[in-house]
Every structure is written in C-alpha cells, then in structure tokens.
Amino acid sequence: MIEAWALDVPVVVTKHCVFLENQIRDYEDVVYCEPEPNSVANAIYLLIANDKLRKKLELNGPQLARQFDYERMAEKLLKVFTVE
C-alpha cells in the first residue's frame, strides 16, 4: 500500500485490512471494499470510471507515503521501546 501511494497509484483495500484502520479514509486515501471478488472488482471499476476520485487518490498518496519513511518509522519504534 505504501509503495503504491508513493508511486501515485490509487489503492483498493479490503475492510479486513487493519493497517492504519483509523488513519486512512475511504474515498480520500483508499477505496475500501469487502473481501469478496465482486466487491474488489467493483472498487477497481469505480477507480477506472471515476476520474475525479482516481485523481484525488493519486494526489493524496505521495503525501501519505512520506508519513511512513524509514526514519520516521524508526523514530516511532524507538519511542515505543525506550523507557524514560
């Protein structure tokens, strides 16, 4: 998902994906769908048919990807495991 965001690729995610569940927004950052073939196909078709939505996700992606660069993630992990 992060790699797709970095490359301006819209992302379809099943609702069972718990990665950043409370931080990624439906129709702003990703398109959520049910973990069923027809639902995934419909989400992909939506991105093909809806230029405005696809472009919005393409624009938002790189900004989201920057939040997860290695240095930032390492700093966050250090804070979790550092006892003060």
C-alpha atoms as a PDB file:
ATOM      1  CA  MET A   1       0.000   0.000   0.000  1.00  0.00           C
ATOM      2  CA  ILE A   2       2.728   2.482   0.930  1.00  0.00           C
ATOM      3  CA  GLU A   3       4.667   1.711  -2.247  1.00  0.00           C
ATOM      4  CA  ALA A   4       1.535   2.275  -4.335  1.00  0.00           C
ATOM      5  CA  TRP A   5       0.894   5.601  -2.618  1.00  0.00           C
ATOM      6  CA  ALA A   6       4.476   6.683  -3.286  1.00  0.00           C
ATOM      7  CA  LEU A   7       4.040   5.885  -6.986  1.00  0.00           C
ATOM      8  CA  ASP A   8       0.718   7.776  -7.348  1.00  0.00           C
ATOM      9  CA  VAL A   9      -1.256   4.542  -7.713  1.00  0.00           C
ATOM     10  CA  PRO A  10      -4.792   4.508  -6.241  1.00  0.00           C
ATOM     11  CA  VAL A  11      -5.248   1.806  -3.617  1.00  0.00           C
ATOM     12  CA  VAL A  12      -8.130  -0.623  -3.067  1.00  0.00           C
ATOM     13  CA  VAL A  13      -8.178  -2.174   0.410  1.00  0.00           C
ATOM     14  CA  THR A  14     -10.476  -4.785   1.906  1.00  0.00           C
ATOM     15  CA  LYS A  15     -12.344  -3.792   5.037  1.00  0.00           C
ATOM     16  CA  HIS A  16     -10.495  -6.531   6.904  1.00  0.00           C
ATOM     17  CA  CYS A  17      -7.172  -4.747   6.434  1.00  0.00           C
ATOM     18  CA  VAL A  18      -6.236  -3.483   9.896  1.00  0.00           C
ATOM     19  CA  PHE A  19      -3.195  -1.498   8.742  1.00  0.00           C
ATOM     20  CA  LEU A  20      -3.832   2.052   9.934  1.00  0.00           C
ATOM     21  CA  GLU A  21      -7.530   1.305  10.104  1.00  0.00           C
ATOM     22  CA  ASN A  22      -8.307   4.529  11.950  1.00  0.00           C
ATOM     23  CA  GLN A  23      -5.953   6.708   9.921  1.00  0.00           C
ATOM     24  CA  ILE A  24      -6.828   6.023   6.294  1.00  0.00           C
ATOM     25  CA  ARG A  25     -10.032   7.457   4.920  1.00  0.00           C
ATOM     26  CA  ASP A  26     -12.415   5.819   2.468  1.00  0.00           C
ATOM     27  CA  TYR A  27     -12.616   7.737  -0.830  1.00  0.00           C
ATOM     28  CA  GLU A  28      -9.856  10.102   0.333  1.00  0.00           C
ATOM     29  CA  ASP A  29      -6.833   7.824   0.769  1.00  0.00           C
ATOM     30  CA  VAL A  30      -8.107   4.431  -0.429  1.00  0.00           C
ATOM     31  CA  VAL A  31     -11.245   2.719  -1.665  1.00  0.00           C
ATOM     32  CA  TYR A  32     -12.447   0.176   0.865  1.00  0.00           C
ATOM     33  CA  CYS A  33     -14.309  -2.931  -0.274  1.00  0.00           C
ATOM     34  CA  GLU A  34     -15.483  -6.259   1.074  1.00  0.00           C
ATOM     35  CA  PRO A  35     -13.006  -9.149   0.816  1.00  0.00           C
ATOM     36  CA  GLU A  36     -15.014 -10.753  -1.988  1.00  0.00           C
ATOM     37  CA  PRO A  37     -14.094 -10.925  -5.685  1.00  0.00           C
ATOM     38  CA  ASN A  38     -17.134  -8.952  -6.892  1.00  0.00           C
ATOM     39  CA  SER A  39     -16.571  -6.214  -4.335  1.00  0.00           C
ATOM     40  CA  VAL A  40     -12.894  -5.883  -5.267  1.00  0.00           C
ATOM     41  CA  ALA A  41     -13.809  -5.817  -8.963  1.00  0.00           C
ATOM     42  CA  ASN A  42     -16.431  -3.120  -8.333  1.00  0.00           C
ATOM     43  CA  ALA A  43     -13.905  -0.996  -6.427  1.00  0.00           C
ATOM     44  CA  ILE A  44     -11.395  -1.287  -9.265  1.00  0.00           C
ATOM     45  CA  TYR A  45     -14.086  -0.446 -11.808  1.00  0.00           C
ATOM     46  CA  LEU A  46     -15.055   2.595  -9.718  1.00  0.00           C
ATOM     47  CA  LEU A  47     -11.486   3.891  -9.993  1.00  0.00           C
ATOM     48  CA  ILE A  48     -11.463   3.280 -13.740  1.00  0.00           C
ATOM     49  CA  ALA A  49     -14.810   5.008 -14.274  1.00  0.00           C
ATOM     50  CA  ASN A  50     -14.440   7.900 -11.814  1.00  0.00           C
ATOM     51  CA  ASP A  51     -11.606  10.168 -12.957  1.00  0.00           C
ATOM     52  CA  LYS A  52     -12.163  12.671 -10.149  1.00  0.00           C
ATOM     53  CA  LEU A  53     -11.884  10.033  -7.414  1.00  0.00           C
ATOM     54  CA  ARG A  54      -8.888   8.359  -9.053  1.00  0.00           C
ATOM     55  CA  LYS A  55      -7.027  11.662  -9.372  1.00  0.00           C
ATOM     56  CA  LYS A  56      -7.803  12.578  -5.748  1.00  0.00           C
ATOM     57  CA  LEU A  57      -6.332   9.277  -4.532  1.00  0.00           C
ATOM     58  CA  GLU A  58      -3.321   9.730  -6.833  1.00  0.00           C
ATOM     59  CA  LEU A  59      -2.670  13.188  -5.356  1.00  0.00           C
ATOM     60  CA  ASN A  60      -3.126  12.133  -1.723  1.00  0.00           C
ATOM     61  CA  GLY A  61      -0.933   9.033  -1.993  1.00  0.00           C
ATOM     62  CA  PRO A  62       2.579  10.521  -2.018  1.00  0.00           C
ATOM     63  CA  GLN A  63       1.761  12.704   0.977  1.00  0.00           C
ATOM     64  CA  LEU A  64       0.616   9.633   2.917  1.00  0.00           C
ATOM     65  CA  ALA A  65       3.662   7.616   1.851  1.00  0.00           C
ATOM     66  CA  ARG A  66       6.001  10.277   3.256  1.00  0.00           C
ATOM     67  CA  GLN A  67       4.500   9.680   6.695  1.00  0.00           C
ATOM     68  CA  PHE A  68       5.962   6.179   6.600  1.00  0.00           C
ATOM     69  CA  ASP A  69       9.548   6.716   5.526  1.00  0.00           C
ATOM     70  CA  TYR A  70      12.154   4.591   7.306  1.00  0.00           C
ATOM     71  CA  GLU A  71      13.483   7.363   9.528  1.00  0.00           C
ATOM     72  CA  ARG A  72      10.063   8.351  10.838  1.00  0.00           C
ATOM     73  CA  MET A  73       9.085   4.758  11.466  1.00  0.00           C
ATOM     74  CA  ALA A  74      12.387   4.083  13.271  1.00  0.00           C
ATOM     75  CA  GLU A  75      11.851   7.139  15.490  1.00  0.00           C
ATOM     76  CA  LYS A  76       8.357   5.952  16.379  1.00  0.00           C
ATOM     77  CA  LEU A  77       9.627   2.477  17.228  1.00  0.00           C
ATOM     78  CA  LEU A  78      12.385   3.911  19.408  1.00  0.00           C
ATOM     79  CA  LYS A  79       9.815   5.907  21.356  1.00  0.00           C
ATOM     80  CA  VAL A  80       7.765   2.772  21.937  1.00  0.00           C
ATOM     81  CA  PHE A  81      10.711   0.746  23.224  1.00  0.00           C
ATOM     82  CA  THR A  82      12.572   3.481  25.108  1.00  0.00           C
ATOM     83  CA  VAL A  83      12.000   3.581  28.846  1.00  0.00           C
ATOM     84  CA  GLU A  84      12.286   7.029  30.328  1.00  0.00           C
END
